Amino acid sequence: MEQVNKTMVREFVFIGFSSLARLQQLLFVVFLLLYLFTLGTNAIVISTIVLNRALHTPMYFFLAVLSCSETCYTFVIVPKMLVDLLAQKKTISFLGCAIQMFSFLSLGCSHSLLLAAMGYDRYVAICNPLHYTVLMGHRICIGLVATACAGGFTVSLVTTSLIFHLPFHSSNLLHHFFCDISPVLKLASHHSRISQLVIFMLGVFVLVIPLLLILVSYIRIISAILKISSSVGRYKTFSTCASHLIVVTVHYGCASFIYLRPKSNYSSSQDTLISVSYTILTPLFNPMIYSLRNKEFKSAFRRTMSQTLYPVN
């Protein structure tokens, strides 16, 4: 037994849906349909923005990048999950687990920072409209996206390196459906308080700090909106921010619950349920929230469809 305990873990076994063994084929069909619908809606958002010059503005540029990020994010997790729902042996190699964690953390952290950039865009548009084209020029927008991606890459690299340099000698049963931080850390034979603290601080960097920046932006935005004398003007101005606020609330709510809790409060069943929401449902609803609430986007989409179906010779 002592010899077994000292054997390095070479692969992990996902048991996140083991309690729903009889429903796994049904879950496969439901998740597959949701995944395909997610890919379709994000493809519509991206293509509509790219093909319509009227949507070549900072707000829609960020939205296109966000949709692209969410498409990649789901691609890292959902196809493997779908295969495992039909497989008898739901395994992933040690290296594969590290790559999956690095990829989804990089995209997830970039997503958080990108939402902060979108909040800044709304702040400039409402509070400094006369300087909007200067403060949110093309180079600045690209710089903000590049910064978000670099931040996500760095945080993901440090976090993944810290976790997968830990010794894994005990169980390889992962109480989840993908390689998330808490379930993998739980399987480590031992880990120092320093590594835990660094991981927690990185979580604060990509969740709390961007959220505080968004809150400051919206305090200034609300202050500016309240100064508008017309109620119709106030409604129209705030409606440009409503979609972003909904997405921010869902994203930071789920992510904070998962990554900023004390380790003693970890619950595999709760985390699996929340993870399903932000890996499958949130990427599905986000493009719908942004597009269905936006008259300008719906008008551009109709123009794109008419030009595609009935091209002018």
Protein backbone atom coordinates (compact mmCIF):
# COMPACT_ATOMS: atom_id res chain seq x y z
CA MET A 1 0.00 0.00 0.00
CA GLU A 2 2.86 2.34 0.79
CA GLN A 3 4.33 1.70 -2.65
CA VAL A 4 1.00 2.54 -4.33
CA ASN A 5 0.70 5.81 -2.49
CA LYS A 6 4.12 6.88 -3.79
CA THR A 7 3.20 6.20 -7.44
CA MET A 8 2.84 9.38 -9.47
CA VAL A 9 -0.60 10.03 -10.90
CA ARG A 10 -0.41 9.69 -14.70
CA GLU A 11 -4.05 10.37 -15.50
CA PHE A 12 -7.21 11.68 -13.86
CA VAL A 13 -10.67 10.14 -13.94
CA PHE A 14 -13.64 12.53 -14.14
CA ILE A 15 -16.53 11.53 -11.87
CA GLY A 16 -18.45 14.82 -11.91
CA PHE A 17 -21.58 13.26 -13.41
CA SER A 18 -21.22 9.82 -11.77
CA SER A 19 -24.33 10.37 -9.62
CA LEU A 20 -26.34 10.91 -12.83
CA ALA A 21 -25.26 7.70 -14.57
CA ARG A 22 -28.75 6.91 -15.89
CA LEU A 23 -29.18 10.41 -17.32
CA GLN A 24 -25.84 10.75 -19.10
CA GLN A 25 -27.20 9.99 -22.58
CA LEU A 26 -29.97 12.55 -22.07
CA LEU A 27 -27.40 15.06 -20.77
CA PHE A 28 -25.29 14.39 -23.87
CA VAL A 29 -28.18 15.30 -26.19
CA VAL A 30 -29.14 18.41 -24.17
CA PHE A 31 -25.56 19.69 -23.83
CA LEU A 32 -24.79 18.95 -27.50
CA LEU A 33 -27.80 20.97 -28.66
CA LEU A 34 -26.89 23.84 -26.30
CA TYR A 35 -23.27 23.74 -27.51
CA LEU A 36 -24.26 23.84 -31.19
CA PHE A 37 -26.68 26.68 -30.50
CA THR A 38 -23.92 28.55 -28.65
CA LEU A 39 -21.54 28.15 -31.59
CA GLY A 40 -24.28 29.33 -33.95
CA THR A 41 -25.24 32.44 -31.96
CA ASN A 42 -21.63 33.49 -31.44
CA ALA A 43 -20.90 32.95 -35.14
CA ILE A 44 -23.88 35.17 -36.01
CA VAL A 45 -22.66 37.91 -33.66
CA ILE A 46 -19.09 37.84 -35.01
CA SER A 47 -20.08 37.68 -38.71
CA THR A 48 -22.71 40.42 -38.34
CA ILE A 49 -20.20 42.77 -36.71
CA VAL A 50 -17.46 41.99 -39.25
CA LEU A 51 -19.73 42.41 -42.30
CA ASN A 52 -21.46 45.65 -41.21
CA ARG A 53 -19.37 48.82 -41.31
CA ALA A 54 -21.98 50.55 -39.13
CA LEU A 55 -20.95 48.21 -36.30
CA HIS A 56 -17.23 48.92 -36.62
CA THR A 57 -17.19 50.81 -33.33
CA PRO A 58 -15.30 50.07 -30.07
CA MET A 59 -18.38 48.62 -28.33
CA TYR A 60 -19.01 46.08 -31.10
CA PHE A 61 -15.30 45.39 -31.53
CA PHE A 62 -15.16 44.32 -27.88
CA LEU A 63 -18.37 42.31 -28.32
CA ALA A 64 -16.89 40.42 -31.29
CA VAL A 65 -13.74 39.64 -29.28
CA LEU A 66 -15.91 38.54 -26.34
CA SER A 67 -17.92 36.18 -28.57
CA CYS A 68 -14.70 34.76 -30.05
CA SER A 69 -13.30 34.26 -26.53
CA GLU A 70 -16.45 32.45 -25.38
CA THR A 71 -16.41 30.19 -28.44
CA CYS A 72 -12.81 29.17 -27.67
CA TYR A 73 -13.63 28.82 -23.96
CA THR A 74 -16.44 26.34 -24.60
CA PHE A 75 -14.29 24.47 -27.15
CA VAL A 76 -11.69 23.78 -24.44
CA ILE A 77 -14.23 22.12 -22.11
CA VAL A 78 -17.48 21.03 -23.77
CA PRO A 79 -16.32 18.61 -26.55
CA LYS A 80 -14.29 16.56 -24.02
CA MET A 81 -17.25 16.60 -21.62
CA LEU A 82 -19.59 15.37 -24.37
CA VAL A 83 -17.24 12.50 -25.25
CA ASP A 84 -16.96 11.53 -21.57
CA LEU A 85 -20.74 11.44 -21.15
CA LEU A 86 -20.84 8.51 -23.62
CA ALA A 87 -17.53 6.89 -22.61
CA GLN A 88 -17.11 4.13 -20.07
CA LYS A 89 -13.69 5.41 -19.00
CA LYS A 90 -13.70 9.20 -18.47
CA THR A 91 -9.99 9.89 -18.26
CA ILE A 92 -7.56 12.66 -19.13
CA SER A 93 -3.77 12.47 -19.04
CA PHE A 94 -1.75 14.48 -16.52
CA LEU A 95 -0.39 16.69 -19.32
CA GLY A 96 -3.82 16.96 -20.95
CA CYS A 97 -5.29 18.12 -17.65
CA ALA A 98 -2.60 20.79 -17.31
CA ILE A 99 -3.20 22.01 -20.89
CA GLN A 100 -6.96 22.13 -20.34
CA MET A 101 -6.57 24.10 -17.10
CA PHE A 102 -4.11 26.53 -18.67
CA SER A 103 -6.36 27.10 -21.70
CA PHE A 104 -9.62 27.69 -19.87
CA LEU A 105 -7.96 29.84 -17.17
CA SER A 106 -6.24 31.96 -19.81
CA LEU A 107 -9.51 32.52 -21.68
CA GLY A 108 -11.55 32.98 -18.49
CA CYS A 109 -9.14 35.53 -16.99
CA SER A 110 -8.95 37.40 -20.31
CA HIS A 111 -12.76 37.41 -20.31
CA SER A 112 -12.84 39.12 -16.90
CA LEU A 113 -10.33 41.77 -17.95
CA LEU A 114 -12.17 42.28 -21.24
CA LEU A 115 -15.42 43.00 -19.37
CA ALA A 116 -13.53 45.70 -17.46
CA ALA A 117 -12.37 47.20 -20.78
CA MET A 118 -15.97 47.18 -22.01
CA GLY A 119 -17.01 48.98 -18.81
CA TYR A 120 -14.38 51.63 -19.50
CA ASP A 121 -15.71 51.97 -23.05
CA ARG A 122 -19.24 52.66 -21.74
CA TYR A 123 -17.83 55.17 -19.21
CA VAL A 124 -16.00 57.13 -21.92
CA ALA A 125 -19.01 57.00 -24.29
CA ILE A 126 -21.39 58.44 -21.68
CA CYS A 127 -19.18 60.66 -19.53
CA ASN A 128 -16.77 61.96 -22.20
CA PRO A 129 -18.69 61.72 -25.49
CA LEU A 130 -16.80 64.61 -27.13
CA HIS A 131 -13.45 62.85 -26.62
CA TYR A 132 -14.76 59.33 -27.33
CA THR A 133 -13.13 58.89 -30.74
CA VAL A 134 -9.77 59.99 -29.31
CA LEU A 135 -9.90 58.04 -26.02
CA MET A 136 -11.25 54.88 -27.69
CA GLY A 137 -9.32 54.94 -30.95
CA HIS A 138 -8.54 51.74 -32.87
CA ARG A 139 -5.03 51.39 -31.42
CA ILE A 140 -6.29 51.88 -27.86
CA CYS A 141 -9.00 49.23 -28.34
CA ILE A 142 -6.46 46.75 -29.69
CA GLY A 143 -4.12 47.66 -26.81
CA LEU A 144 -6.87 46.98 -24.24
CA VAL A 145 -7.64 43.58 -25.81
CA ALA A 146 -3.93 42.72 -25.99
CA THR A 147 -3.51 43.70 -22.33
CA ALA A 148 -6.49 41.53 -21.33
CA CYS A 149 -5.06 38.56 -23.25
CA ALA A 150 -1.56 39.06 -21.82
CA GLY A 151 -2.97 39.34 -18.30
CA GLY A 152 -5.02 36.18 -18.75
CA PHE A 153 -2.04 34.30 -20.20
CA THR A 154 0.26 35.35 -17.34
CA VAL A 155 -2.18 34.52 -14.55
CA SER A 156 -3.01 31.18 -16.16
CA LEU A 157 0.66 30.27 -16.66
CA VAL A 158 1.60 31.04 -13.05
CA THR A 159 -1.45 29.30 -11.58
CA THR A 160 -1.12 26.16 -13.72
CA SER A 161 2.62 25.92 -13.05
CA LEU A 162 2.09 26.19 -9.28
CA ILE A 163 -0.61 23.50 -9.27
CA PHE A 164 1.03 20.93 -11.54
CA HIS A 165 4.41 21.17 -9.80
CA LEU A 166 2.70 19.78 -6.69
CA PRO A 167 3.07 16.04 -5.96
CA PHE A 168 0.09 13.85 -6.91
CA HIS A 169 0.50 10.46 -5.26
CA SER A 170 -2.94 9.66 -3.90
CA SER A 171 -6.32 9.35 -5.62
CA ASN A 172 -6.81 10.29 -9.26
CA LEU A 173 -10.62 10.55 -9.04
CA LEU A 174 -11.53 14.10 -10.03
CA HIS A 175 -14.93 15.19 -8.69
CA HIS A 176 -15.66 17.38 -11.68
CA PHE A 177 -16.14 17.20 -15.47
CA PHE A 178 -13.01 19.21 -16.35
CA CYS A 179 -9.69 20.17 -14.75
CA ASP A 180 -10.68 23.09 -12.53
CA ILE A 181 -8.46 24.53 -9.80
CA SER A 182 -10.21 23.35 -6.60
CA PRO A 183 -10.88 19.72 -7.63
CA VAL A 184 -7.29 19.25 -8.86
CA LEU A 185 -5.78 20.93 -5.77
CA LYS A 186 -7.85 18.61 -3.59
CA LEU A 187 -6.01 15.62 -5.11
CA ALA A 188 -2.52 17.01 -4.45
CA SER A 189 -0.63 15.07 -1.77
CA HIS A 190 0.34 18.32 -0.07
CA HIS A 191 0.60 21.97 -1.00
CA SER A 192 2.09 24.93 0.80
CA ARG A 193 0.14 27.87 2.15
CA ILE A 194 2.30 30.10 -0.06
CA SER A 195 1.07 28.45 -3.27
CA GLN A 196 -2.54 28.66 -2.04
CA LEU A 197 -2.05 32.35 -1.19
CA VAL A 198 -0.50 33.12 -4.60
CA ILE A 199 -3.38 31.38 -6.41
CA PHE A 200 -5.92 33.28 -4.28
CA MET A 201 -4.19 36.61 -4.95
CA LEU A 202 -4.17 35.91 -8.67
CA GLY A 203 -7.90 35.26 -8.40
CA VAL A 204 -8.29 38.63 -6.70
CA PHE A 205 -6.28 40.27 -9.49
CA VAL A 206 -8.52 38.96 -12.29
CA LEU A 207 -11.85 39.13 -10.43
CA VAL A 208 -11.93 41.73 -7.66
CA ILE A 209 -9.80 44.46 -9.26
CA PRO A 210 -11.63 44.43 -12.64
CA LEU A 211 -14.97 44.33 -10.80
CA LEU A 212 -13.98 47.37 -8.72
CA LEU A 213 -12.98 49.22 -11.90
CA ILE A 214 -16.37 48.35 -13.43
CA LEU A 215 -18.17 49.55 -10.28
CA VAL A 216 -16.27 52.86 -10.36
CA SER A 217 -17.14 53.25 -14.05
CA TYR A 218 -20.83 52.67 -13.38
CA ILE A 219 -20.91 55.04 -10.41
CA ARG A 220 -19.64 57.75 -12.77
CA ILE A 221 -22.07 56.59 -15.50
CA ILE A 222 -25.10 56.67 -13.18
CA SER A 223 -24.05 60.10 -11.92
CA ALA A 224 -23.91 61.37 -15.53
CA ILE A 225 -27.26 59.75 -16.42
CA LEU A 226 -29.01 61.38 -13.45
CA LYS A 227 -27.97 64.79 -14.80
CA ILE A 228 -29.95 64.18 -18.01
CA SER A 229 -33.23 66.11 -17.74
CA SER A 230 -35.30 63.93 -20.10
CA SER A 231 -36.53 60.57 -18.79
CA VAL A 232 -36.43 59.21 -22.34
CA GLY A 233 -32.82 60.34 -22.64
CA ARG A 234 -31.95 58.69 -19.34
CA TYR A 235 -33.57 55.43 -20.45
CA LYS A 236 -31.84 55.40 -23.84
CA THR A 237 -28.46 56.14 -22.29
CA PHE A 238 -28.77 53.49 -19.60
CA SER A 239 -30.08 50.90 -22.09
CA THR A 240 -26.66 50.94 -23.81
CA CYS A 241 -25.17 49.63 -20.53
CA ALA A 242 -27.89 47.17 -19.46
CA SER A 243 -26.58 44.20 -21.47
CA HIS A 244 -23.05 44.69 -20.15
CA LEU A 245 -24.33 44.91 -16.56
CA ILE A 246 -26.26 41.64 -16.90
CA VAL A 247 -23.23 39.80 -18.32
CA VAL A 248 -20.95 41.25 -15.62
CA THR A 249 -23.33 40.19 -12.84
CA VAL A 250 -23.57 36.60 -14.11
CA HIS A 251 -19.86 36.22 -14.88
CA TYR A 252 -18.45 37.70 -11.68
CA GLY A 253 -21.17 36.11 -9.55
CA CYS A 254 -20.37 32.57 -10.73
CA ALA A 255 -16.59 33.09 -10.85
CA SER A 256 -16.42 34.64 -7.36
CA PHE A 257 -18.48 31.81 -5.89
CA ILE A 258 -16.11 29.23 -7.38
CA TYR A 259 -12.69 30.85 -6.96
CA LEU A 260 -12.87 33.28 -4.03
CA ARG A 261 -14.42 31.02 -1.39
CA PRO A 262 -12.45 29.62 1.53
CA LYS A 263 -11.21 26.11 0.72
CA SER A 264 -13.17 24.75 3.70
CA ASN A 265 -16.41 25.65 1.88
CA TYR A 266 -15.56 23.57 -1.19
CA SER A 267 -18.46 21.39 -2.39
CA SER A 268 -17.97 19.24 -5.51
CA SER A 269 -21.70 18.96 -6.25
CA GLN A 270 -22.27 22.72 -5.94
CA ASP A 271 -19.21 23.50 -8.05
CA THR A 272 -20.30 21.07 -10.78
CA LEU A 273 -23.71 22.75 -10.99
CA ILE A 274 -22.25 26.28 -11.07
CA SER A 275 -19.59 25.20 -13.59
CA VAL A 276 -22.26 23.87 -15.96
CA SER A 277 -23.89 27.30 -15.85
CA TYR A 278 -20.76 29.29 -16.74
CA THR A 279 -19.28 26.81 -19.24
CA ILE A 280 -22.48 26.03 -21.16
CA LEU A 281 -25.33 28.40 -20.28
CA THR A 282 -23.48 31.72 -19.90
CA PRO A 283 -21.73 31.54 -23.32
CA LEU A 284 -25.16 30.71 -24.77
CA PHE A 285 -27.02 33.61 -23.15
CA ASN A 286 -24.37 36.34 -23.48
CA PRO A 287 -24.66 36.84 -27.28
CA MET A 288 -28.44 36.65 -26.98
CA ILE A 289 -28.44 39.28 -24.22
CA TYR A 290 -26.30 41.64 -26.30
CA SER A 291 -28.12 41.08 -29.60
CA LEU A 292 -31.78 40.73 -28.63
CA ARG A 293 -31.72 43.89 -26.51
CA ASN A 294 -29.93 45.91 -29.18
CA LYS A 295 -31.99 47.50 -31.98
CA GLU A 296 -28.87 48.60 -33.87
CA PHE A 297 -27.50 45.06 -33.92
CA LYS A 298 -30.86 43.54 -34.95
CA SER A 299 -31.12 46.04 -37.80
CA ALA A 300 -27.58 45.23 -38.94
CA PHE A 301 -28.32 41.50 -38.75
CA ARG A 302 -31.42 41.91 -40.94
CA ARG A 303 -29.35 43.87 -43.49
CA THR A 304 -26.70 41.16 -43.50
CA MET A 305 -29.29 38.44 -44.01
CA SER A 306 -30.99 40.32 -46.85
CA GLN A 307 -27.65 41.02 -48.58
CA THR A 308 -26.67 37.36 -48.21
CA LEU A 309 -29.98 35.92 -49.39
CA TYR A 310 -30.70 38.56 -52.04
CA PRO A 311 -27.34 39.88 -53.28
CA VAL A 312 -27.42 42.91 -55.54
CA ASN A 313 -25.76 42.19 -58.89
